[in-house]
């Protein structure tokens, strides 16, 4: 039978977020209905909220924890009563069927579109590809951010870049995603792990997760500061005859023009005939165009790559992130710094937009 739900709706025309009471349909053959416990509030949703929607109502959110309360007849990897995470990356690359998308009936002839999943709701329905089973004794509040923040930041370090012990890392932006990247860099024993932000308090907070150095970009040129920390002591010179300096990997976890353009000069150049240059990794969702120094890219043999969802496979990687949490390598209890109720969603998004949230915010249903 249909499931009652309270769902946050982004109206098609400019205006505050609305909470709509509706009924979720019975699950189709490959769908799952989840009674949610908690869900994250992510910067990428701000981008979706602030761009034109052409009169189309939307429902948002893409990371949560909950309990399965109904499933379709073809769903075999979870059952009613299982604890699960809802995420936005398909869990199993071996399933080639196109995941079901959901259109919600808001009543009165109104509909709302989803981006495959929606987790700003007390109950949700989605394709089985976005539902990952977890142990039923999992702590269900702070682990709700694994489905995006942790996966995106930690995965970028662990999978996309493949950072190894002793390699140097800089992370631009130490919100929830950036702190997750720093935590993964600590797990793999990178050194140094440099955090760059505009707030000294956030930089001090980043050290709790593994940052060994902090650079406040308000106080001077962060590239010069990064190079001062990473000048090679081997006497190696780059193509221009300057001492080799810069990190092995630079991660932009913000996605604005300035940081997207800073990560390339932040990485070390290659040494002709000896080694290639470092790797700049774009993790944050871009909000502007970007202009790169193509000569630096070529002559220094640097690499500029993107990372979407941390190159993660949820079925494979969520158990690893849970293990990091249980073993104390990923402090999710500290990473979740703000908690809201569903009715406070407008306050939550306002606080996120104004920079009042240090780590990650969650809604508890």
Protein backbone atom coordinates (compact mmCIF):
# COMPACT_ATOMS: atom_id res chain seq x y z
CA UNK A 1 0.00 0.00 0.00
CA UNK A 2 1.18 3.60 -0.56
CA UNK A 3 3.51 5.05 2.09
CA UNK A 4 2.83 8.48 3.64
CA UNK A 5 5.82 10.83 3.40
CA UNK A 6 6.83 14.37 4.22
CA UNK A 7 9.09 15.58 1.41
CA UNK A 8 11.10 18.77 0.86
CA UNK A 9 10.19 20.26 -2.53
CA UNK A 10 12.19 22.87 -4.41
CA UNK A 11 9.47 24.86 -6.18
CA UNK A 12 9.79 25.40 -9.91
CA UNK A 13 9.64 29.15 -9.40
CA UNK A 14 11.91 31.13 -7.02
CA UNK A 15 10.88 30.83 -3.38
CA UNK A 16 11.65 29.00 -0.14
CA UNK A 17 11.76 25.23 0.08
CA UNK A 18 8.40 23.66 0.85
CA UNK A 19 7.46 20.56 2.84
CA UNK A 20 4.72 18.57 1.11
CA UNK A 21 2.79 15.67 2.58
CA UNK A 22 2.13 13.01 -0.02
CA UNK A 23 1.94 9.27 -0.58
CA UNK A 24 4.78 7.32 -2.12
CA UNK A 25 3.62 4.68 -4.61
CA UNK A 26 4.03 0.97 -4.00
CA UNK A 27 7.51 -0.11 -5.11
CA UNK A 28 7.92 -1.36 -8.65
CA UNK A 29 9.77 -4.63 -9.31
CA UNK A 30 13.21 -3.05 -8.84
CA UNK A 31 12.37 -0.37 -6.28
CA UNK A 32 12.84 -0.04 -2.52
CA UNK A 33 10.98 2.09 0.03
CA UNK A 34 13.13 3.30 2.93
CA UNK A 35 12.06 4.80 6.25
CA UNK A 36 14.88 7.26 6.78
CA UNK A 37 16.86 7.99 9.91
CA UNK A 38 19.20 10.79 8.80
CA UNK A 39 20.45 12.45 5.63
CA UNK A 40 23.17 14.90 4.64
CA UNK A 41 22.85 18.48 3.43
CA UNK A 42 25.32 18.93 0.57
CA UNK A 43 26.73 21.95 -1.30
CA UNK A 44 25.76 20.41 -4.62
CA UNK A 45 22.12 20.79 -3.61
CA UNK A 46 22.69 24.53 -3.22
CA UNK A 47 23.79 24.61 -6.86
CA UNK A 48 20.60 22.80 -7.85
CA UNK A 49 18.46 25.15 -5.76
CA UNK A 50 19.99 28.32 -7.16
CA UNK A 51 19.94 27.58 -10.86
CA UNK A 52 16.83 28.17 -13.00
CA UNK A 53 14.31 25.33 -12.93
CA UNK A 54 11.94 26.47 -15.66
CA UNK A 55 8.84 25.88 -13.56
CA UNK A 56 9.78 22.25 -12.77
CA UNK A 57 9.43 21.22 -9.12
CA UNK A 58 12.30 19.13 -7.79
CA UNK A 59 13.08 16.94 -4.78
CA UNK A 60 16.67 16.75 -3.58
CA UNK A 61 19.11 14.96 -1.29
CA UNK A 62 21.37 12.03 -2.10
CA UNK A 63 22.88 10.51 1.06
CA UNK A 64 21.04 8.93 3.97
CA UNK A 65 20.57 5.99 6.30
CA UNK A 66 17.34 4.15 7.01
CA UNK A 67 15.39 0.91 7.22
CA UNK A 68 13.77 -0.94 4.32
CA UNK A 69 9.99 -1.02 4.78
CA UNK A 70 8.98 -2.35 1.35
CA UNK A 71 10.66 -3.74 -1.76
CA UNK A 72 9.81 -4.87 -5.26
CA UNK A 73 9.57 -8.53 -6.21
CA UNK A 74 12.87 -8.51 -8.17
CA UNK A 75 14.93 -6.97 -5.33
CA UNK A 76 17.08 -9.63 -3.70
CA UNK A 77 20.01 -7.86 -2.00
CA UNK A 78 17.87 -6.32 0.78
CA UNK A 79 14.70 -7.26 2.64
CA UNK A 80 12.21 -5.51 4.90
CA UNK A 81 13.88 -4.56 8.17
CA UNK A 82 17.41 -4.25 6.77
CA UNK A 83 19.49 -1.20 7.64
CA UNK A 84 20.64 0.56 4.47
CA UNK A 85 22.33 3.62 3.02
CA UNK A 86 20.81 5.53 0.13
CA UNK A 87 23.32 7.05 -2.26
CA UNK A 88 23.44 8.57 -5.75
CA UNK A 89 26.05 6.31 -7.35
CA UNK A 90 24.81 2.91 -8.63
CA UNK A 91 26.01 0.27 -6.20
CA UNK A 92 26.72 -2.56 -8.65
CA UNK A 93 28.40 -1.89 -12.02
CA UNK A 94 27.46 -5.40 -13.11
CA UNK A 95 23.78 -4.41 -13.35
CA UNK A 96 23.31 -2.89 -16.80
CA UNK A 97 19.56 -2.24 -16.50
CA UNK A 98 18.73 1.47 -16.56
CA UNK A 99 17.78 2.49 -12.99
CA UNK A 100 14.19 3.56 -12.44
CA UNK A 101 13.63 7.28 -12.03
CA UNK A 102 10.83 8.58 -9.83
CA UNK A 103 8.25 11.29 -10.48
CA UNK A 104 6.31 12.27 -7.37
CA UNK A 105 2.64 13.26 -7.39
CA UNK A 106 2.34 16.36 -5.21
CA UNK A 107 -1.43 16.58 -5.61
CA UNK A 108 -3.49 19.21 -7.34
CA UNK A 109 -2.00 18.31 -10.70
CA UNK A 110 1.54 19.08 -9.55
CA UNK A 111 4.54 16.77 -9.95
CA UNK A 112 8.14 16.82 -8.77
CA UNK A 113 11.17 15.45 -10.61
CA UNK A 114 13.99 13.56 -8.90
CA UNK A 115 17.65 13.12 -9.80
CA UNK A 116 17.39 9.34 -9.35
CA UNK A 117 17.13 9.67 -5.55
CA UNK A 118 15.76 12.06 -2.96
CA UNK A 119 16.64 11.91 0.73
CA UNK A 120 15.24 15.18 2.08
CA UNK A 121 12.19 13.26 3.27
CA UNK A 122 11.15 11.09 6.18
CA UNK A 123 10.42 8.23 3.75
CA UNK A 124 11.82 7.73 0.25
CA UNK A 125 11.54 5.41 -2.73
CA UNK A 126 14.25 4.68 -5.29
CA UNK A 127 15.73 2.08 -7.57
CA UNK A 128 17.52 -0.79 -5.83
CA UNK A 129 20.79 0.33 -7.44
CA UNK A 130 20.96 3.24 -4.98
CA UNK A 131 20.34 1.19 -1.83
CA UNK A 132 23.28 -0.43 -0.01
CA UNK A 133 22.77 -2.85 2.86
CA UNK A 134 24.76 -2.19 6.05
CA UNK A 135 24.94 -4.04 9.39
CA UNK A 136 21.82 -3.51 11.48
CA UNK A 137 23.92 -2.41 14.46
CA UNK A 138 25.41 0.52 12.51
CA UNK A 139 25.19 3.91 14.20
CA UNK A 140 22.62 5.49 11.93
CA UNK A 141 23.08 9.23 12.37
CA UNK A 142 26.65 10.19 11.46
CA UNK A 143 27.12 7.36 8.97
CA UNK A 144 24.45 8.96 6.76
CA UNK A 145 27.14 11.17 5.18
CA UNK A 146 29.12 8.22 3.80
CA UNK A 147 26.82 8.16 0.76
CA UNK A 148 28.21 11.43 -0.62
CA UNK A 149 30.62 13.49 1.50
CA UNK A 150 32.85 10.62 2.58
CA UNK A 151 32.60 8.74 -0.70
CA UNK A 152 33.43 11.85 -2.73
CA UNK A 153 36.34 13.15 -0.63
CA UNK A 154 37.92 9.94 0.63
CA UNK A 155 37.34 8.18 -2.67
CA UNK A 156 39.10 10.94 -4.61
CA UNK A 157 42.25 10.32 -2.57
CA UNK A 158 41.98 6.54 -2.28
CA UNK A 159 40.66 5.59 -5.71
CA UNK A 160 40.81 8.45 -8.24
CA UNK A 161 44.31 9.63 -7.33
CA UNK A 162 45.59 6.45 -5.69
CA UNK A 163 47.73 8.37 -3.19
CA UNK A 164 50.47 6.23 -1.63
CA UNK A 165 52.45 6.35 1.60
CA UNK A 166 54.85 9.28 1.73
CA UNK A 167 53.32 11.21 -1.16
CA UNK A 168 52.39 14.84 -0.53
CA UNK A 169 48.83 16.18 -0.65
CA UNK A 170 47.11 19.55 -0.50
CA UNK A 171 43.34 19.92 -0.09
CA UNK A 172 41.64 23.20 -1.00
CA UNK A 173 38.43 23.63 1.03
CA UNK A 174 37.93 21.83 4.33
CA UNK A 175 34.18 21.32 4.48
CA UNK A 176 32.69 17.84 4.74
CA UNK A 177 34.21 16.62 1.45
CA UNK A 178 37.62 18.19 2.05
CA UNK A 179 37.86 16.79 5.57
CA UNK A 180 36.98 13.34 4.21
CA UNK A 181 39.81 13.71 1.69
CA UNK A 182 42.21 14.66 4.47
CA UNK A 183 41.12 11.65 6.54
CA UNK A 184 41.81 9.30 3.61
CA UNK A 185 45.22 10.91 3.07
CA UNK A 186 46.02 10.15 6.69
CA UNK A 187 44.83 6.54 6.31
CA UNK A 188 47.24 5.97 3.40
CA UNK A 189 50.04 7.77 5.33
CA UNK A 190 50.55 10.67 2.94
CA UNK A 191 52.94 13.43 4.08
CA UNK A 192 52.68 16.33 4.27
CA UNK A 193 48.90 16.76 4.26
CA UNK A 194 48.26 20.46 3.70
CA UNK A 195 44.85 22.08 4.21
CA UNK A 196 44.01 25.38 2.49
CA UNK A 197 41.03 27.50 3.52
CA UNK A 198 40.06 31.05 4.42
CA UNK A 199 39.35 30.45 8.11
CA UNK A 200 41.96 29.67 10.80
CA UNK A 201 39.38 27.89 12.93
CA UNK A 202 38.54 25.54 10.06
CA UNK A 203 42.23 24.93 9.45
CA UNK A 204 42.74 24.00 13.10
CA UNK A 205 39.69 21.73 12.85
CA UNK A 206 41.24 20.02 9.80
CA UNK A 207 44.20 18.91 11.91
CA UNK A 208 41.81 16.74 13.91
CA UNK A 209 41.32 14.70 10.74
CA UNK A 210 44.97 14.42 9.75
CA UNK A 211 46.13 17.72 8.24
CA UNK A 212 49.77 18.33 9.14
CA UNK A 213 49.86 21.94 7.93
CA UNK A 214 47.31 24.69 7.38
CA UNK A 215 47.47 27.62 4.97
CA UNK A 216 45.07 30.55 5.24
CA UNK A 217 44.68 31.85 1.68
CA UNK A 218 43.51 35.22 3.02
CA UNK A 219 46.99 35.87 4.38
CA UNK A 220 48.99 35.54 1.16
CA UNK A 221 49.63 33.45 -1.92
CA UNK A 222 48.77 29.82 -1.06
CA UNK A 223 50.82 28.50 -4.01
CA UNK A 224 53.97 30.16 -2.69
CA UNK A 225 53.23 28.76 0.78
CA UNK A 226 52.70 25.24 -0.62
CA UNK A 227 55.97 25.39 -2.55
CA UNK A 228 57.82 26.64 0.52
CA UNK A 229 56.61 23.55 2.39
CA UNK A 230 57.48 21.13 -0.42
CA UNK A 231 60.73 22.30 -2.04
CA UNK A 232 62.74 19.20 -2.89
CA UNK A 233 66.02 18.72 -1.03
CA UNK A 234 67.46 16.50 -3.79
CA UNK A 235 68.75 19.39 -5.88
CA UNK A 236 66.48 18.47 -8.79
CA UNK A 237 65.55 21.31 -11.14
CA UNK A 238 62.51 21.72 -13.34
CA UNK A 239 62.55 22.62 -17.06
CA UNK A 240 62.95 26.30 -16.18
CA UNK A 241 65.94 25.65 -13.93
CA UNK A 242 64.08 26.25 -10.67
CA UNK A 243 64.17 23.82 -7.72
CA UNK A 244 61.36 21.29 -7.88
CA UNK A 245 58.56 22.29 -5.50
CA UNK A 246 54.89 21.45 -5.11
CA UNK A 247 52.80 18.52 -3.97
CA UNK A 248 52.27 15.17 -5.64
CA UNK A 249 48.48 15.64 -5.52
CA UNK A 250 46.27 18.72 -5.17
CA UNK A 251 42.53 18.36 -4.57
CA UNK A 252 39.99 21.13 -5.16
CA UNK A 253 36.98 20.35 -2.99
CA UNK A 254 35.25 23.68 -3.71
CA UNK A 255 34.84 24.11 -7.47
CA UNK A 256 35.12 27.90 -7.86
CA UNK A 257 37.32 29.43 -10.53
CA UNK A 258 40.13 30.51 -8.23
CA UNK A 259 40.67 27.10 -6.61
CA UNK A 260 40.20 25.22 -9.89
CA UNK A 261 43.02 27.30 -11.32
CA UNK A 262 45.24 27.02 -8.22
CA UNK A 263 45.49 23.24 -8.04
CA UNK A 264 47.56 22.95 -11.22
CA UNK A 265 50.41 25.28 -10.12
CA UNK A 266 50.21 23.71 -6.65
CA UNK A 267 51.52 20.35 -7.90
CA UNK A 268 55.18 19.69 -8.56
CA UNK A 269 56.62 19.79 -12.08
CA UNK A 270 58.23 16.81 -13.70
CA UNK A 271 61.96 16.43 -14.27
CA UNK A 272 62.71 15.74 -17.92
CA UNK A 273 64.02 12.23 -18.42
CA UNK A 274 63.44 11.39 -14.76
CA UNK A 275 59.82 11.81 -13.62
CA UNK A 276 56.46 13.22 -14.66
CA UNK A 277 54.73 15.98 -12.75
CA UNK A 278 52.04 15.90 -10.08
CA UNK A 279 48.29 15.52 -10.43
CA UNK A 280 45.58 18.14 -9.86
CA UNK A 281 42.20 16.59 -9.00
CA UNK A 282 38.92 18.47 -9.38
CA UNK A 283 36.45 17.17 -6.79
CA UNK A 284 34.09 20.10 -6.13
CA UNK A 285 31.22 20.74 -8.53
CA UNK A 286 32.35 23.52 -10.93
CA UNK A 287 30.33 26.73 -10.74
CA UNK A 288 32.31 28.79 -13.29
CA UNK A 289 34.48 28.37 -16.37
CA UNK A 290 38.19 27.74 -15.76
CA UNK A 291 41.37 28.80 -17.57
CA UNK A 292 44.46 26.63 -17.20
CA UNK A 293 48.09 27.30 -18.04
CA UNK A 294 48.49 24.88 -20.94
CA UNK A 295 52.26 25.46 -21.12
CA UNK A 296 52.65 24.46 -17.46
CA UNK A 297 50.54 21.37 -18.15
CA UNK A 298 52.72 20.43 -21.12
CA UNK A 299 56.25 21.39 -20.10
CA UNK A 300 55.88 20.17 -16.52
CA UNK A 301 54.06 16.98 -17.59
CA UNK A 302 51.37 17.60 -15.01
CA UNK A 303 47.94 15.99 -15.01
CA UNK A 304 44.53 17.62 -14.40
CA UNK A 305 41.75 15.10 -13.80
CA UNK A 306 38.21 14.98 -12.45
CA UNK A 307 36.77 12.81 -9.71
CA UNK A 308 33.02 12.16 -9.56
CA UNK A 309 31.78 10.34 -6.48
CA UNK A 310 35.38 9.54 -5.60
CA UNK A 311 35.45 6.87 -8.34
CA UNK A 312 33.67 4.71 -5.76
CA UNK A 313 31.54 1.58 -6.02
CA UNK A 314 29.18 1.70 -3.04
CA UNK A 315 28.85 -2.07 -2.57
CA UNK A 316 32.65 -2.34 -2.46
CA UNK A 317 33.59 0.84 -0.63
CA UNK A 318 30.93 1.58 1.98
CA UNK A 319 32.05 -1.36 4.16
CA UNK A 320 35.62 0.02 4.02
CA UNK A 321 34.49 3.48 5.11
CA UNK A 322 32.44 1.96 7.94
CA UNK A 323 35.55 0.04 9.01
CA UNK A 324 37.59 3.25 9.02
CA UNK A 325 34.94 4.79 11.26
CA UNK A 326 34.84 1.85 13.67
CA UNK A 327 38.66 1.73 13.84
CA UNK A 328 38.94 5.46 14.57
CA UNK A 329 40.50 6.50 11.26
CA UNK A 330 37.43 8.47 10.09
CA UNK A 331 35.90 10.54 12.88
CA UNK A 332 32.34 10.91 11.63
CA UNK A 333 31.15 12.00 15.08
CA UNK A 334 33.38 15.08 14.77
CA UNK A 335 32.71 15.55 11.06
CA UNK A 336 28.96 16.02 11.63
CA UNK A 337 28.89 19.49 13.18
CA UNK A 338 25.26 20.55 12.69
CA UNK A 339 21.94 18.75 13.04
CA UNK A 340 18.50 19.88 11.87
CA UNK A 341 14.94 18.60 11.71
CA UNK A 342 13.08 18.31 8.43
CA UNK A 343 11.04 21.43 9.23
CA UNK A 344 14.31 23.39 9.53
CA UNK A 345 15.50 22.69 5.98
CA UNK A 346 15.44 26.36 4.93
CA UNK A 347 17.59 27.26 7.94
CA UNK A 348 19.96 24.39 7.15
CA UNK A 349 20.50 25.50 3.55
CA UNK A 350 20.86 29.15 4.61
CA UNK A 351 23.51 28.18 7.18
CA UNK A 352 25.38 26.12 4.60
CA UNK A 353 25.26 28.92 2.04
CA UNK A 354 26.56 31.49 4.55
CA UNK A 355 29.48 29.30 5.68
CA UNK A 356 28.21 28.64 9.20
CA UNK A 357 28.66 24.86 8.94
CA UNK A 358 32.23 23.69 9.58
CA UNK A 359 31.97 20.01 8.70
CA UNK A 360 28.81 18.33 7.43
CA UNK A 361 25.21 19.07 8.35
CA UNK A 362 22.59 16.33 8.63
CA UNK A 363 18.85 16.22 9.00
CA UNK A 364 17.45 13.73 11.50
CA UNK A 365 13.99 12.42 10.71
